[in-house]
Amino acid sequence: MIANYGYKDGSGDYFIAIDTDRCDGCGACVPMCPSSVFMVMDEDPNDPMREEPVAVVADDQRKKIKYACAQCKPGGKRMPLPCVVACPVDAITHSW
């Protein structure tokens, strides 16, 4: 299942997507994020049948993704973001 965290407004789509089928809850993304966007939960809040740990975007960060992730967002060229690079199972993607 793909869990999308973020929002869409007149200036664009600002989402972080976590593939919960791939995410094993290792937490490698947590220290790589300078804005502390990620956290690991013991159970998947989006899938009540899953009982394994999974990374999620913290509730207080969901409406601020555009600003929280701005410092890692590449300028003119598309470069991988630190959280994407840190994920050993390629479970994290961004909308930009």
Protein backbone atom coordinates (compact mmCIF):
# COMPACT_ATOMS: atom_id res chain seq x y z
CA MET A 1 0.00 0.00 0.00
CA ILE A 2 1.23 3.51 -0.79
CA ALA A 3 0.65 5.98 2.05
CA ASN A 4 0.66 9.60 0.84
CA TYR A 5 1.43 12.36 3.31
CA GLY A 6 1.13 16.02 2.41
CA TYR A 7 -1.21 18.27 0.46
CA LYS A 8 -2.06 19.87 -2.87
CA ASP A 9 -2.63 23.58 -3.33
CA GLY A 10 -2.55 26.16 -6.11
CA SER A 11 1.24 26.09 -6.27
CA GLY A 12 1.59 22.32 -6.66
CA ASP A 13 1.55 18.88 -5.12
CA TYR A 14 3.62 18.34 -2.00
CA PHE A 15 3.55 14.71 -0.98
CA ILE A 16 5.86 12.16 0.52
CA ALA A 17 4.80 8.64 -0.38
CA ILE A 18 5.85 5.62 1.66
CA ASP A 19 5.37 2.17 0.20
CA THR A 20 4.31 0.32 3.34
CA ASP A 21 4.72 -3.04 1.62
CA ARG A 22 8.42 -2.28 1.22
CA CYS A 23 9.08 -0.30 4.42
CA ASP A 24 10.42 -2.51 7.18
CA GLY A 25 10.50 0.19 9.86
CA CYS A 26 14.30 0.29 10.04
CA GLY A 27 14.24 4.04 10.78
CA ALA A 28 17.16 4.96 8.49
CA CYS A 29 15.14 7.92 7.17
CA VAL A 30 14.55 9.44 10.62
CA PRO A 31 18.06 10.79 11.36
CA MET A 32 18.61 11.81 7.72
CA CYS A 33 15.76 14.32 7.78
CA PRO A 34 16.93 17.70 9.10
CA SER A 35 13.29 18.74 9.67
CA SER A 36 12.33 15.63 11.69
CA VAL A 37 9.51 14.81 9.29
CA PHE A 38 9.68 11.04 9.80
CA MET A 39 8.98 8.79 12.74
CA VAL A 40 8.68 5.02 13.11
CA MET A 41 5.50 3.57 14.54
CA ASP A 42 5.14 0.08 15.98
CA GLU A 43 2.03 -0.55 13.87
CA ASP A 44 0.89 0.90 10.55
CA PRO A 45 -1.87 3.45 11.22
CA ASN A 46 -3.05 3.11 7.60
CA ASP A 47 -3.34 -0.68 7.66
CA PRO A 48 -4.90 -2.14 10.82
CA MET A 49 -3.96 -5.69 9.74
CA ARG A 50 -0.22 -4.93 9.68
CA GLU A 51 1.54 -5.24 13.00
CA GLU A 52 5.14 -4.59 11.91
CA PRO A 53 6.91 -1.24 12.41
CA VAL A 54 6.66 1.29 9.60
CA ALA A 55 7.94 4.80 8.90
CA VAL A 56 5.32 7.56 8.73
CA VAL A 57 5.28 11.33 8.40
CA ALA A 58 4.55 12.90 11.79
CA ASP A 59 1.05 14.38 12.09
CA ASP A 60 2.34 17.86 12.85
CA GLN A 61 4.46 17.85 9.65
CA ARG A 62 1.85 16.77 7.09
CA LYS A 63 0.53 20.24 6.29
CA LYS A 64 4.05 21.72 6.30
CA ILE A 65 5.76 19.32 3.87
CA LYS A 66 6.36 22.10 1.31
CA TYR A 67 8.31 24.11 3.87
CA ALA A 68 9.80 21.32 5.96
CA CYS A 69 11.32 19.63 2.92
CA ALA A 70 12.41 22.86 1.20
CA GLN A 71 15.98 22.72 2.51
CA CYS A 72 16.54 19.33 0.86
CA LYS A 73 14.62 20.10 -2.32
CA PRO A 74 17.01 20.34 -5.26
CA GLY A 75 17.42 23.68 -7.01
CA GLY A 76 17.41 23.27 -10.78
CA LYS A 77 18.26 19.63 -11.30
CA ARG A 78 16.58 16.57 -9.87
CA MET A 79 18.78 15.01 -7.24
CA PRO A 80 17.77 12.33 -4.77
CA LEU A 81 16.72 13.63 -1.38
CA PRO A 82 18.58 12.42 1.75
CA CYS A 83 15.62 10.40 3.06
CA VAL A 84 15.19 8.67 -0.31
CA VAL A 85 18.89 7.80 -0.45
CA ALA A 86 18.89 6.58 3.17
CA CYS A 87 16.03 4.12 2.63
CA PRO A 88 17.64 0.73 1.95
CA VAL A 89 14.43 -0.73 0.49
CA ASP A 90 13.46 2.25 -1.75
CA ALA A 91 10.16 2.79 0.03
CA ILE A 92 10.17 6.63 0.01
CA THR A 93 9.34 8.92 -2.90
CA HIS A 94 8.48 12.62 -3.17
CA SER A 95 6.08 14.41 -5.51
CA TRP A 96 8.71 16.93 -6.62
